[in-house]
Amino acid sequence: MFNPTFSYFMRTTVLISLKSFIAILLVLAGSAASCKRDGAKTAAVNPASAAAVKAQLNVLRDSVDIKWRNMIESDDQKIGIVRLLLRELKTQPNTDQTQLPGLERANARLLSLRYNQETMANSPLIDKYDAAQDSLLRALYPVAAPNGNAPSASARDFVEGIQQLDAGVVAFRVQYDRAARQYNNYLQLHQAELQSLGGKYAAQKPLPLFTIEIK
């Protein structure tokens, strides 16, 4: 038998439930929109993100500085071995002693000509340094080992050591360029975070490169 009271109760219950469901959906939608707006604000000035960028930039810069230090230490070693070779040649009676003072001056002058990480942006400085060192070595080898024959075992070892170090110059520059390019790319990609950090991070500029490309 049809019960009007029961039917009314069911319709009322369904209606209340539907209203409650809609209200819940509206609350959830509002919360989601609020979270989205808050997230957008956070992404713009997120201190955690800026701190992560700072840490990664420091890691990349450390890598650049290590590559630079390795390269310069190798060059210093080459200059030092030339000095030792010239000292050894002074003890050899068959060496052309008149050539040694000029070679010593040329070797001592190299450090005053060498570029640094900032001045190498002026590429002629690199060319000038390379030309001075190449000129020294071209003049040195015939004196130290005429016709390939060094006057002593020590002189021969010094000549071979210089040649090995000189052959590694390009590899050191390629490694430096690779690290500096990674640093420059990261710097460009995260300008907003770096500007928010202020200080030295906001003032960071791309590093100059040797621009050596190995195919």
N, C-alpha and C. Protein backbone atom coordinates (compact mmCIF):
# COMPACT_ATOMS: atom_id res chain seq x y z
N MET A 1 0.86 -1.20 0.00
CA MET A 1 0.00 0.00 0.00
C MET A 1 0.89 1.24 0.00
N PHE A 2 0.52 2.24 -0.79
CA PHE A 2 1.30 3.47 -0.92
C PHE A 2 1.22 4.27 0.37
N ASN A 3 2.36 4.71 0.88
CA ASN A 3 2.43 5.47 2.12
C ASN A 3 2.93 6.86 1.81
N PRO A 4 2.05 7.90 1.81
CA PRO A 4 2.44 9.28 1.47
C PRO A 4 3.50 9.81 2.43
N THR A 5 3.41 9.48 3.66
CA THR A 5 4.37 10.00 4.65
C THR A 5 5.78 9.47 4.37
N PHE A 6 5.84 8.19 4.07
CA PHE A 6 7.16 7.59 3.76
C PHE A 6 7.76 8.19 2.49
N SER A 7 6.90 8.41 1.46
CA SER A 7 7.36 9.00 0.19
C SER A 7 7.89 10.40 0.41
N TYR A 8 7.21 11.19 1.21
CA TYR A 8 7.64 12.57 1.49
C TYR A 8 8.99 12.53 2.22
N PHE A 9 9.11 11.60 3.16
CA PHE A 9 10.36 11.48 3.92
C PHE A 9 11.54 11.14 3.01
N MET A 10 11.33 10.25 2.08
CA MET A 10 12.39 9.86 1.14
C MET A 10 12.81 11.01 0.25
N ARG A 11 11.79 11.76 -0.27
CA ARG A 11 12.12 12.89 -1.15
C ARG A 11 12.91 13.95 -0.38
N THR A 12 12.50 14.19 0.86
CA THR A 12 13.19 15.19 1.68
C THR A 12 14.62 14.76 1.97
N THR A 13 14.78 13.49 2.28
CA THR A 13 16.12 12.98 2.59
C THR A 13 17.05 13.09 1.39
N VAL A 14 16.54 12.70 0.20
CA VAL A 14 17.33 12.78 -1.04
C VAL A 14 17.71 14.20 -1.34
N LEU A 15 16.73 15.14 -1.15
CA LEU A 15 16.97 16.55 -1.44
C LEU A 15 18.05 17.11 -0.52
N ILE A 16 17.97 16.76 0.77
CA ILE A 16 18.98 17.24 1.72
C ILE A 16 20.36 16.68 1.38
N SER A 17 20.36 15.40 1.04
CA SER A 17 21.65 14.78 0.69
C SER A 17 22.25 15.43 -0.55
N LEU A 18 21.42 15.73 -1.54
CA LEU A 18 21.90 16.35 -2.78
C LEU A 18 22.45 17.74 -2.49
N LYS A 19 21.73 18.50 -1.64
CA LYS A 19 22.21 19.83 -1.29
C LYS A 19 23.55 19.76 -0.55
N SER A 20 23.67 18.79 0.34
CA SER A 20 24.92 18.62 1.09
C SER A 20 26.07 18.27 0.16
N PHE A 21 25.78 17.40 -0.82
CA PHE A 21 26.81 16.98 -1.78
C PHE A 21 27.30 18.16 -2.60
N ILE A 22 26.31 18.97 -3.07
CA ILE A 22 26.67 20.16 -3.87
C ILE A 22 27.50 21.12 -3.03
N ALA A 23 27.11 21.30 -1.77
CA ALA A 23 27.84 22.21 -0.89
C ALA A 23 29.27 21.74 -0.70
N ILE A 24 29.43 20.43 -0.53
CA ILE A 24 30.78 19.88 -0.37
C ILE A 24 31.63 20.12 -1.60
N LEU A 25 31.02 19.92 -2.80
CA LEU A 25 31.75 20.15 -4.04
C LEU A 25 32.20 21.60 -4.16
N LEU A 26 31.30 22.54 -3.78
CA LEU A 26 31.65 23.96 -3.85
C LEU A 26 32.79 24.29 -2.90
N VAL A 27 32.77 23.71 -1.71
CA VAL A 27 33.85 23.95 -0.76
C VAL A 27 35.18 23.43 -1.28
N LEU A 28 35.13 22.21 -1.86
CA LEU A 28 36.36 21.62 -2.40
C LEU A 28 36.90 22.43 -3.57
N ALA A 29 35.99 22.90 -4.43
CA ALA A 29 36.41 23.70 -5.58
C ALA A 29 37.06 24.99 -5.12
N GLY A 30 36.46 25.61 -4.10
CA GLY A 30 37.03 26.85 -3.58
C GLY A 30 38.40 26.63 -2.98
N SER A 31 38.56 25.52 -2.28
CA SER A 31 39.85 25.20 -1.67
C SER A 31 40.91 24.96 -2.72
N ALA A 32 40.52 24.25 -3.79
CA ALA A 32 41.47 23.97 -4.87
C ALA A 32 41.92 25.25 -5.54
N ALA A 33 40.96 26.16 -5.79
CA ALA A 33 41.32 27.43 -6.43
C ALA A 33 42.24 28.24 -5.54
N SER A 34 41.94 28.22 -4.23
CA SER A 34 42.78 28.95 -3.29
C SER A 34 44.20 28.40 -3.26
N CYS A 35 44.30 27.06 -3.26
CA CYS A 35 45.61 26.41 -3.27
C CYS A 35 46.38 26.75 -4.54
N LYS A 36 45.65 26.80 -5.65
CA LYS A 36 46.30 27.11 -6.93
C LYS A 36 46.86 28.52 -6.92
N ARG A 37 46.04 29.47 -6.37
CA ARG A 37 46.51 30.85 -6.30
C ARG A 37 47.72 30.96 -5.38
N ASP A 38 47.63 30.28 -4.23
CA ASP A 38 48.75 30.32 -3.29
C ASP A 38 50.00 29.70 -3.89
N GLY A 39 49.82 28.62 -4.66
CA GLY A 39 50.95 27.96 -5.30
C GLY A 39 51.62 28.87 -6.31
N ALA A 40 50.81 29.63 -7.05
CA ALA A 40 51.37 30.55 -8.04
C ALA A 40 52.20 31.62 -7.36
N LYS A 41 51.68 32.12 -6.22
CA LYS A 41 52.43 33.13 -5.49
C LYS A 41 53.74 32.56 -4.97
N THR A 42 53.69 31.32 -4.46
CA THR A 42 54.88 30.68 -3.91
C THR A 42 55.94 30.46 -4.98
N ALA A 43 55.49 30.07 -6.19
CA ALA A 43 56.45 29.80 -7.26
C ALA A 43 57.22 31.05 -7.64
N ALA A 44 56.59 32.22 -7.50
CA ALA A 44 57.23 33.46 -7.90
C ALA A 44 58.35 33.85 -6.93
N VAL A 45 58.16 33.61 -5.65
CA VAL A 45 59.14 34.05 -4.66
C VAL A 45 59.40 32.94 -3.64
N ASN A 46 59.56 31.75 -4.11
CA ASN A 46 59.76 30.61 -3.22
C ASN A 46 61.18 30.61 -2.65
N PRO A 47 61.32 30.88 -1.34
CA PRO A 47 62.67 30.91 -0.76
C PRO A 47 63.41 29.58 -0.90
N ALA A 48 62.65 28.48 -0.80
CA ALA A 48 63.28 27.16 -0.93
C ALA A 48 63.85 26.97 -2.32
N SER A 49 63.10 27.43 -3.34
CA SER A 49 63.57 27.31 -4.71
C SER A 49 64.81 28.17 -4.93
N ALA A 50 64.80 29.39 -4.40
CA ALA A 50 65.95 30.28 -4.53
C ALA A 50 67.18 29.69 -3.84
N ALA A 51 66.97 29.07 -2.68
CA ALA A 51 68.07 28.46 -1.96
C ALA A 51 68.66 27.29 -2.74
N ALA A 52 67.79 26.52 -3.40
CA ALA A 52 68.26 25.39 -4.21
C ALA A 52 69.08 25.88 -5.41
N VAL A 53 68.61 26.97 -6.02
CA VAL A 53 69.34 27.56 -7.15
C VAL A 53 70.71 28.05 -6.69
N LYS A 54 70.73 28.70 -5.54
CA LYS A 54 72.00 29.20 -4.97
C LYS A 54 72.98 28.05 -4.75
N ALA A 55 72.49 26.96 -4.16
CA ALA A 55 73.36 25.82 -3.88
C ALA A 55 73.90 25.21 -5.17
N GLN A 56 73.03 25.05 -6.17
CA GLN A 56 73.47 24.45 -7.44
C GLN A 56 74.44 25.36 -8.18
N LEU A 57 74.20 26.68 -8.12
CA LEU A 57 75.11 27.62 -8.77
C LEU A 57 76.49 27.55 -8.12
N ASN A 58 76.52 27.41 -6.80
CA ASN A 58 77.81 27.29 -6.11
C ASN A 58 78.55 26.03 -6.54
N VAL A 59 77.80 24.94 -6.72
CA VAL A 59 78.42 23.69 -7.17
C VAL A 59 79.01 23.87 -8.57
N LEU A 60 78.26 24.49 -9.46
CA LEU A 60 78.74 24.71 -10.82
C LEU A 60 79.95 25.63 -10.86
N ARG A 61 79.93 26.66 -10.01
CA ARG A 61 81.06 27.59 -9.97
C ARG A 61 82.30 26.90 -9.42
N ASP A 62 82.11 26.04 -8.42
CA ASP A 62 83.25 25.29 -7.88
C ASP A 62 83.88 24.41 -8.97
N SER A 63 83.02 23.81 -9.80
CA SER A 63 83.52 22.98 -10.90
C SER A 63 84.34 23.81 -11.88
N VAL A 64 83.85 25.00 -12.19
CA VAL A 64 84.58 25.91 -13.09
C VAL A 64 85.94 26.25 -12.49
N ASP A 65 85.95 26.61 -11.21
CA ASP A 65 87.19 27.03 -10.57
C ASP A 65 88.20 25.88 -10.47
N ILE A 66 87.71 24.66 -10.28
CA ILE A 66 88.61 23.51 -10.24
C ILE A 66 89.26 23.30 -11.61
N LYS A 67 88.46 23.40 -12.67
CA LYS A 67 89.01 23.24 -14.02
C LYS A 67 90.03 24.33 -14.32
N TRP A 68 89.74 25.54 -13.89
CA TRP A 68 90.68 26.64 -14.11
C TRP A 68 91.98 26.39 -13.33
N ARG A 69 91.85 25.99 -12.08
CA ARG A 69 93.03 25.76 -11.25
C ARG A 69 93.91 24.64 -11.83
N ASN A 70 93.28 23.58 -12.31
CA ASN A 70 94.05 22.49 -12.92
C ASN A 70 94.83 22.97 -14.14
N MET A 71 94.17 23.79 -14.94
CA MET A 71 94.81 24.32 -16.15
C MET A 71 95.99 25.21 -15.82
N ILE A 72 95.80 26.11 -14.84
CA ILE A 72 96.86 27.04 -14.48
C ILE A 72 98.02 26.31 -13.79
N GLU A 73 97.71 25.33 -12.97
CA GLU A 73 98.76 24.54 -12.31
C GLU A 73 99.61 23.81 -13.35
N SER A 74 98.98 23.31 -14.40
CA SER A 74 99.72 22.64 -15.46
C SER A 74 100.63 23.63 -16.18
N ASP A 75 100.12 24.83 -16.42
CA ASP A 75 100.92 25.85 -17.09
C ASP A 75 102.08 26.29 -16.20
N ASP A 76 101.80 26.46 -14.90
CA ASP A 76 102.87 26.81 -13.96
C ASP A 76 103.96 25.74 -13.96
N GLN A 77 103.52 24.48 -14.01
CA GLN A 77 104.48 23.38 -14.02
C GLN A 77 105.35 23.42 -15.27
N LYS A 78 104.74 23.75 -16.41
CA LYS A 78 105.50 23.84 -17.65
C LYS A 78 106.55 24.95 -17.57
N ILE A 79 106.15 26.10 -17.05
CA ILE A 79 107.10 27.21 -16.89
C ILE A 79 108.22 26.81 -15.94
N GLY A 80 107.87 26.10 -14.86
CA GLY A 80 108.88 25.66 -13.89
C GLY A 80 109.86 24.67 -14.48
N ILE A 81 109.38 23.75 -15.32
CA ILE A 81 110.28 22.76 -15.93
C ILE A 81 111.19 23.43 -16.95
N VAL A 82 110.69 24.44 -17.66
CA VAL A 82 111.57 25.19 -18.57
C VAL A 82 112.70 25.83 -17.76
N ARG A 83 112.37 26.37 -16.60
CA ARG A 83 113.39 26.99 -15.75
C ARG A 83 114.44 25.96 -15.33
N LEU A 84 113.97 24.76 -14.95
CA LEU A 84 114.90 23.70 -14.55
C LEU A 84 115.76 23.25 -15.74
N LEU A 85 115.17 23.18 -16.90
CA LEU A 85 115.91 22.77 -18.10
C LEU A 85 117.02 23.78 -18.42
N LEU A 86 116.69 25.04 -18.33
CA LEU A 86 117.70 26.06 -18.62
C LEU A 86 118.83 26.01 -17.60
N ARG A 87 118.49 25.72 -16.34
CA ARG A 87 119.52 25.57 -15.31
C ARG A 87 120.41 24.37 -15.61
N GLU A 88 119.81 23.30 -16.07
CA GLU A 88 120.58 22.10 -16.44
C GLU A 88 121.50 22.38 -17.63
N LEU A 89 120.99 23.13 -18.58
CA LEU A 89 121.78 23.42 -19.79
C LEU A 89 123.01 24.27 -19.48
N LYS A 90 122.93 25.07 -18.43
CA LYS A 90 124.09 25.89 -18.06
C LYS A 90 125.28 25.04 -17.63
N THR A 91 125.00 23.80 -17.22
CA THR A 91 126.07 22.91 -16.76
C THR A 91 126.66 22.07 -17.89
N GLN A 92 126.08 22.20 -19.09
CA GLN A 92 126.50 21.36 -20.20
C GLN A 92 127.46 22.13 -21.12
N PRO A 93 128.69 21.64 -21.25
CA PRO A 93 129.70 22.39 -22.02
C PRO A 93 129.38 22.52 -23.50
N ASN A 94 128.61 21.59 -24.04
CA ASN A 94 128.33 21.65 -25.48
C ASN A 94 127.08 22.47 -25.82
N THR A 95 126.45 23.04 -24.82
CA THR A 95 125.25 23.86 -25.06
C THR A 95 125.67 25.26 -25.46
N ASP A 96 124.93 25.87 -26.39
CA ASP A 96 125.18 27.25 -26.80
C ASP A 96 124.75 28.18 -25.67
N GLN A 97 125.69 28.57 -24.84
CA GLN A 97 125.39 29.35 -23.64
C GLN A 97 124.90 30.77 -23.97
N THR A 98 125.19 31.24 -25.14
CA THR A 98 124.77 32.61 -25.49
C THR A 98 123.25 32.72 -25.65
N GLN A 99 122.59 31.59 -25.88
CA GLN A 99 121.14 31.59 -26.08
C GLN A 99 120.36 31.56 -24.76
N LEU A 100 121.00 31.13 -23.69
CA LEU A 100 120.27 30.87 -22.44
C LEU A 100 119.70 32.13 -21.77
N PRO A 101 120.44 33.24 -21.67
CA PRO A 101 119.87 34.42 -21.00
C PRO A 101 118.57 34.92 -21.64
N GLY A 102 118.53 34.94 -22.94
CA GLY A 102 117.32 35.38 -23.64
C GLY A 102 116.15 34.43 -23.39
N LEU A 103 116.43 33.14 -23.36
CA LEU A 103 115.39 32.16 -23.09
C LEU A 103 114.88 32.29 -21.64
N GLU A 104 115.78 32.56 -20.72
CA GLU A 104 115.37 32.76 -19.33
C GLU A 104 114.46 33.98 -19.19
N ARG A 105 114.80 35.06 -19.87
CA ARG A 105 113.98 36.27 -19.79
C ARG A 105 112.59 36.03 -20.40
N ALA A 106 112.55 35.33 -21.50
CA ALA A 106 111.27 35.04 -22.16
C ALA A 106 110.39 34.17 -21.28
N ASN A 107 111.01 33.21 -20.59
CA ASN A 107 110.23 32.33 -19.72
C ASN A 107 109.72 33.09 -18.49
N ALA A 108 110.56 33.94 -17.92
CA ALA A 108 110.16 34.70 -16.73
C ALA A 108 109.07 35.71 -17.06
N ARG A 109 109.01 36.15 -18.30
CA ARG A 109 108.04 37.16 -18.71
C ARG A 109 106.63 36.59 -18.89
N LEU A 110 106.52 35.29 -19.02
CA LEU A 110 105.23 34.68 -19.34
C LEU A 110 104.15 34.97 -18.30
N LEU A 111 104.50 34.91 -17.02
CA LEU A 111 103.49 35.10 -15.98
C LEU A 111 102.87 36.50 -16.06
N SER A 112 103.65 37.48 -16.45
CA SER A 112 103.11 38.85 -16.55
C SER A 112 102.18 39.00 -17.76
N LEU A 113 102.27 38.07 -18.70
CA LEU A 113 101.44 38.13 -19.90
C LEU A 113 100.16 37.31 -19.78
N ARG A 114 100.13 36.41 -18.80
CA ARG A 114 99.04 35.45 -18.76
C ARG A 114 97.72 36.12 -18.33
N TYR A 115 96.67 35.72 -18.98
CA TYR A 115 95.32 36.19 -18.72
C TYR A 115 94.75 35.54 -17.47
N ASN A 116 93.60 36.05 -16.99
CA ASN A 116 92.87 35.39 -15.91
C ASN A 116 91.43 35.15 -16.37
N GLN A 117 90.57 34.71 -15.44
CA GLN A 117 89.20 34.34 -15.83
C GLN A 117 88.38 35.53 -16.32
N GLU A 118 88.76 36.73 -15.91
CA GLU A 118 88.04 37.91 -16.36
C GLU A 118 88.68 38.50 -17.62
N THR A 119 90.01 38.66 -17.61
CA THR A 119 90.67 39.33 -18.74
C THR A 119 90.66 38.48 -20.01
N MET A 120 90.41 37.17 -19.88
CA MET A 120 90.39 36.33 -21.08
C MET A 120 89.19 36.65 -21.97
N ALA A 121 88.27 37.50 -21.47
CA ALA A 121 87.18 37.97 -22.33
C ALA A 121 87.76 38.74 -23.51
N ASN A 122 88.95 39.30 -23.32
CA ASN A 122 89.68 39.98 -24.40
C ASN A 122 90.54 38.92 -25.09
N SER A 123 90.01 38.28 -26.12
CA SER A 123 90.68 37.13 -26.73
C SER A 123 92.08 37.42 -27.26
N PRO A 124 92.41 38.65 -27.69
CA PRO A 124 93.80 38.89 -28.11
C PRO A 124 94.82 38.64 -27.00
N LEU A 125 94.41 38.76 -25.74
CA LEU A 125 95.33 38.45 -24.64
C LEU A 125 95.71 36.98 -24.64
N ILE A 126 94.73 36.13 -24.95
CA ILE A 126 95.01 34.69 -25.04
C ILE A 126 95.98 34.44 -26.19
N ASP A 127 95.70 35.06 -27.33
CA ASP A 127 96.57 34.87 -28.50
C ASP A 127 97.99 35.36 -28.23
N LYS A 128 98.09 36.48 -27.52
CA LYS A 128 99.41 37.05 -27.21
C LYS A 128 100.21 36.12 -26.31
N TYR A 129 99.53 35.55 -25.31
CA TYR A 129 100.21 34.64 -24.39
C TYR A 129 100.63 33.37 -25.12
N ASP A 130 99.73 32.81 -25.90
CA ASP A 130 100.05 31.59 -26.63
C ASP A 130 101.22 31.82 -27.59
N ALA A 131 101.22 32.97 -28.25
CA ALA A 131 102.30 33.27 -29.20
C ALA A 131 103.64 33.39 -28.48
N ALA A 132 103.64 34.03 -27.30
CA ALA A 132 104.89 34.20 -26.55
C ALA A 132 105.42 32.85 -26.08
N GLN A 133 104.54 31.98 -25.60
CA GLN A 133 105.00 30.68 -25.12
C GLN A 133 105.44 29.78 -26.28
N ASP A 134 104.70 29.80 -27.37
CA ASP A 134 105.09 29.00 -28.54
C ASP A 134 106.43 29.46 -29.08
N SER A 135 106.65 30.77 -29.12
CA SER A 135 107.92 31.31 -29.61
C SER A 135 109.08 30.86 -28.72
N LEU A 136 108.84 30.86 -27.40
CA LEU A 136 109.88 30.41 -26.47
C LEU A 136 110.22 28.94 -26.71
N LEU A 137 109.21 28.10 -26.83
CA LEU A 137 109.48 26.67 -26.99
C LEU A 137 110.14 26.35 -28.32
N ARG A 138 109.76 27.07 -29.37
CA ARG A 138 110.41 26.84 -30.67
C ARG A 138 111.89 27.20 -30.61
N ALA A 139 112.21 28.22 -29.83
CA ALA A 139 113.63 28.61 -29.70
C ALA A 139 114.36 27.69 -28.73
N LEU A 140 113.65 27.16 -27.76
CA LEU A 140 114.27 26.34 -26.72
C LEU A 140 114.67 24.95 -27.20
N TYR A 141 113.81 24.28 -27.93
CA TYR A 141 114.06 22.88 -28.29
C TYR A 141 115.37 22.67 -29.06
N PRO A 142 115.69 23.50 -30.05
CA PRO A 142 116.96 23.28 -30.75
C PRO A 142 118.19 23.48 -29.87
N VAL A 143 118.05 24.34 -28.84
CA VAL A 143 119.17 24.56 -27.93
C VAL A 143 119.27 23.40 -26.92
N ALA A 144 118.12 22.96 -26.43
CA ALA A 144 118.11 21.91 -25.40
C ALA A 144 118.38 20.54 -25.97
N ALA A 145 117.95 20.30 -27.19
CA ALA A 145 118.14 18.97 -27.80
C ALA A 145 118.38 19.15 -29.30
N PRO A 146 119.57 19.60 -29.67
CA PRO A 146 119.87 19.78 -31.09
C PRO A 146 119.78 18.45 -31.84
N ASN A 147 119.04 18.48 -32.94
CA ASN A 147 118.81 17.27 -33.74
C ASN A 147 118.17 16.16 -32.91
N GLY A 148 117.42 16.55 -31.87
CA GLY A 148 116.74 15.58 -31.03
C GLY A 148 117.61 14.93 -29.99
N ASN A 149 118.85 15.40 -29.84
CA ASN A 149 119.78 14.78 -28.90
C ASN A 149 120.06 15.72 -27.73
N ALA A 150 119.44 15.43 -26.59
CA ALA A 150 119.68 16.24 -25.39
C ALA A 150 121.05 15.91 -24.82
N PRO A 151 121.73 16.90 -24.21
CA PRO A 151 123.10 16.67 -23.71
C PRO A 151 123.16 15.82 -22.45
N SER A 152 122.02 15.60 -21.78
CA SER A 152 122.03 14.77 -20.56
C SER A 152 120.67 14.10 -20.40
N ALA A 153 120.65 13.08 -19.56
CA ALA A 153 119.38 12.39 -19.31
C ALA A 153 118.37 13.33 -18.65
N SER A 154 118.84 14.18 -17.77
CA SER A 154 117.94 15.14 -17.11
C SER A 154 117.36 16.12 -18.12
N ALA A 155 118.20 16.61 -19.00
CA ALA A 155 117.72 17.55 -20.03
C ALA A 155 116.69 16.87 -20.92
N ARG A 156 116.93 15.60 -21.27
CA ARG A 156 115.97 14.87 -22.09
C ARG A 156 114.63 14.71 -21.37
N ASP A 157 114.68 14.38 -20.09
CA ASP A 157 113.45 14.22 -19.32
C ASP A 157 112.69 15.55 -19.23
N PHE A 158 113.43 16.62 -19.04
CA PHE A 158 112.78 17.93 -18.96
C PHE A 158 112.09 18.28 -20.28
N VAL A 159 112.76 18.04 -21.38
CA VAL A 159 112.19 18.34 -22.70
C VAL A 159 110.92 17.53 -22.92
N GLU A 160 110.97 16.25 -22.60
CA GLU A 160 109.79 15.40 -22.79
C GLU A 160 108.64 15.85 -21.88
N GLY A 161 108.96 16.24 -20.66
CA GLY A 161 107.92 16.72 -19.75
C GLY A 161 107.25 17.99 -20.27
N ILE A 162 108.04 18.89 -20.79
CA ILE A 162 107.48 20.14 -21.36
C ILE A 162 106.58 19.83 -22.55
N GLN A 163 107.02 18.93 -23.40
CA GLN A 163 106.23 18.57 -24.58
C GLN A 163 104.89 17.94 -24.18
N GLN A 164 104.91 17.08 -23.19
CA GLN A 164 103.68 16.44 -22.73
C GLN A 164 102.70 17.47 -22.15
N LEU A 165 103.20 18.38 -21.35
CA LEU A 165 102.35 19.41 -20.76
C LEU A 165 101.79 20.33 -21.84
N ASP A 166 102.62 20.65 -22.81
CA ASP A 166 102.17 21.54 -23.88
C ASP A 166 101.09 20.88 -24.73
N ALA A 167 101.19 19.57 -24.90
CA ALA A 167 100.18 18.85 -25.68
C ALA A 167 98.84 18.79 -24.97
N GLY A 168 98.82 19.00 -23.65
CA GLY A 168 97.58 18.91 -22.90
C GLY A 168 96.80 20.22 -22.79
N VAL A 169 97.32 21.29 -23.36
CA VAL A 169 96.68 22.61 -23.22
C VAL A 169 95.26 22.61 -23.77
N VAL A 170 95.08 22.08 -24.96
CA VAL A 170 93.75 22.10 -25.59
C VAL A 170 92.74 21.33 -24.75
N ALA A 171 93.13 20.18 -24.22
CA ALA A 171 92.22 19.37 -23.40
C ALA A 171 91.78 20.14 -22.15
N PHE A 172 92.71 20.83 -21.51
CA PHE A 172 92.36 21.62 -20.32
C PHE A 172 91.37 22.73 -20.69
N ARG A 173 91.56 23.36 -21.82
CA ARG A 173 90.67 24.45 -22.22
C ARG A 173 89.28 23.94 -22.59
N VAL A 174 89.23 22.78 -23.20
CA VAL A 174 87.93 22.17 -23.52
C VAL A 174 87.17 21.86 -22.24
N GLN A 175 87.86 21.29 -21.26
CA GLN A 175 87.21 20.96 -19.98
C GLN A 175 86.72 22.22 -19.28
N TYR A 176 87.52 23.27 -19.33
CA TYR A 176 87.11 24.52 -18.70
C TYR A 176 85.88 25.10 -19.41
N ASP A 177 85.91 25.12 -20.72
CA ASP A 177 84.77 25.66 -21.47
C ASP A 177 83.49 24.90 -21.18
N ARG A 178 83.59 23.58 -21.06
CA ARG A 178 82.40 22.78 -20.79
C ARG A 178 81.80 23.16 -19.43
N ALA A 179 82.64 23.29 -18.42
CA ALA A 179 82.15 23.65 -17.08
C ALA A 179 81.60 25.08 -17.07
N ALA A 180 82.30 26.00 -17.73
CA ALA A 180 81.85 27.40 -17.75
C ALA A 180 80.55 27.55 -18.53
N ARG A 181 80.38 26.76 -19.58
CA ARG A 181 79.14 26.84 -20.36
C ARG A 181 77.95 26.33 -19.54
N GLN A 182 78.16 25.28 -18.77
CA GLN A 182 77.09 24.79 -17.88
C GLN A 182 76.71 25.86 -16.86
N TYR A 183 77.71 26.51 -16.32
CA TYR A 183 77.47 27.59 -15.35
C TYR A 183 76.69 28.72 -16.01
N ASN A 184 77.10 29.13 -17.19
CA ASN A 184 76.44 30.24 -17.89
C ASN A 184 74.99 29.91 -18.22
N ASN A 185 74.75 28.69 -18.67
CA ASN A 185 73.38 28.28 -19.01
C ASN A 185 72.48 28.29 -17.78
N TYR A 186 73.00 27.81 -16.67
CA TYR A 186 72.22 27.78 -15.42
C TYR A 186 71.94 29.20 -14.94
N LEU A 187 72.94 30.04 -15.08
CA LEU A 187 72.79 31.45 -14.69
C LEU A 187 71.67 32.12 -15.47
N GLN A 188 71.64 31.88 -16.76
CA GLN A 188 70.62 32.48 -17.62
C GLN A 188 69.23 31.93 -17.30
N LEU A 189 69.16 30.64 -16.99
CA LEU A 189 67.87 29.99 -16.76
C LEU A 189 67.22 30.42 -15.44
N HIS A 190 68.03 30.81 -14.47
CA HIS A 190 67.50 31.08 -13.12
C HIS A 190 67.75 32.52 -12.69
N GLN A 191 67.62 33.45 -13.61
CA GLN A 191 67.81 34.85 -13.27
C GLN A 191 66.84 35.35 -12.21
N ALA A 192 65.58 34.91 -12.26
CA ALA A 192 64.57 35.39 -11.31
C ALA A 192 64.96 35.02 -9.88
N GLU A 193 65.36 33.77 -9.68
CA GLU A 193 65.73 33.33 -8.33
C GLU A 193 66.98 34.05 -7.84
N LEU A 194 67.95 34.24 -8.74
CA LEU A 194 69.19 34.90 -8.35
C LEU A 194 68.96 36.37 -8.00
N GLN A 195 68.06 37.02 -8.74
CA GLN A 195 67.74 38.40 -8.42
C GLN A 195 67.08 38.50 -7.05
N SER A 196 66.25 37.51 -6.71
CA SER A 196 65.59 37.53 -5.40
C SER A 196 66.58 37.32 -4.27
N LEU A 197 67.72 36.65 -4.54
CA LEU A 197 68.74 36.45 -3.52
C LEU A 197 69.51 37.73 -3.23
N GLY A 198 69.64 38.58 -4.26
CA GLY A 198 70.35 39.84 -4.08
C GLY A 198 71.84 39.64 -3.92
N GLY A 199 72.54 40.70 -3.54
CA GLY A 199 73.98 40.63 -3.29
C GLY A 199 74.77 40.15 -4.49
N LYS A 200 75.79 39.33 -4.21
CA LYS A 200 76.67 38.87 -5.29
C LYS A 200 75.95 37.97 -6.28
N TYR A 201 74.88 37.28 -5.83
CA TYR A 201 74.17 36.38 -6.72
C TYR A 201 73.39 37.15 -7.78
N ALA A 202 72.85 38.28 -7.41
CA ALA A 202 72.11 39.10 -8.37
C ALA A 202 73.06 39.73 -9.38
N ALA A 203 74.34 39.84 -9.01
CA ALA A 203 75.31 40.51 -9.88
C ALA A 203 76.14 39.54 -10.73
N GLN A 204 75.85 38.24 -10.65
CA GLN A 204 76.63 37.25 -11.40
C GLN A 204 76.48 37.47 -12.91
N LYS A 205 77.58 37.34 -13.63
CA LYS A 205 77.58 37.50 -15.07
C LYS A 205 78.18 36.26 -15.74
N PRO A 206 77.83 36.02 -17.00
CA PRO A 206 78.40 34.86 -17.70
C PRO A 206 79.92 34.94 -17.77
N LEU A 207 80.55 33.78 -17.73
CA LEU A 207 82.00 33.70 -17.81
C LEU A 207 82.45 33.63 -19.26
N PRO A 208 83.54 34.28 -19.61
CA PRO A 208 84.07 34.15 -20.97
C PRO A 208 84.60 32.75 -21.22
N LEU A 209 84.63 32.36 -22.49
CA LEU A 209 85.04 31.01 -22.88
C LEU A 209 86.22 31.07 -23.85
N PHE A 210 86.93 29.96 -23.90
CA PHE A 210 87.95 29.80 -24.95
C PHE A 210 87.28 29.50 -26.27
N THR A 211 86.04 29.01 -26.20
CA THR A 211 85.22 28.66 -27.37
C THR A 211 85.94 27.66 -28.28
N ILE A 212 86.46 26.60 -27.69
CA ILE A 212 87.08 25.52 -28.46
C ILE A 212 86.02 24.44 -28.68
N GLU A 213 85.74 24.11 -29.90
CA GLU A 213 84.75 23.10 -30.22
C GLU A 213 85.45 21.86 -30.76
N ILE A 214 85.19 20.72 -30.15
CA ILE A 214 85.77 19.45 -30.61
C ILE A 214 84.67 18.66 -31.34
N LYS A 215 84.87 18.38 -32.58
CA LYS A 215 83.88 17.64 -33.39
C LYS A 215 83.97 16.14 -33.06
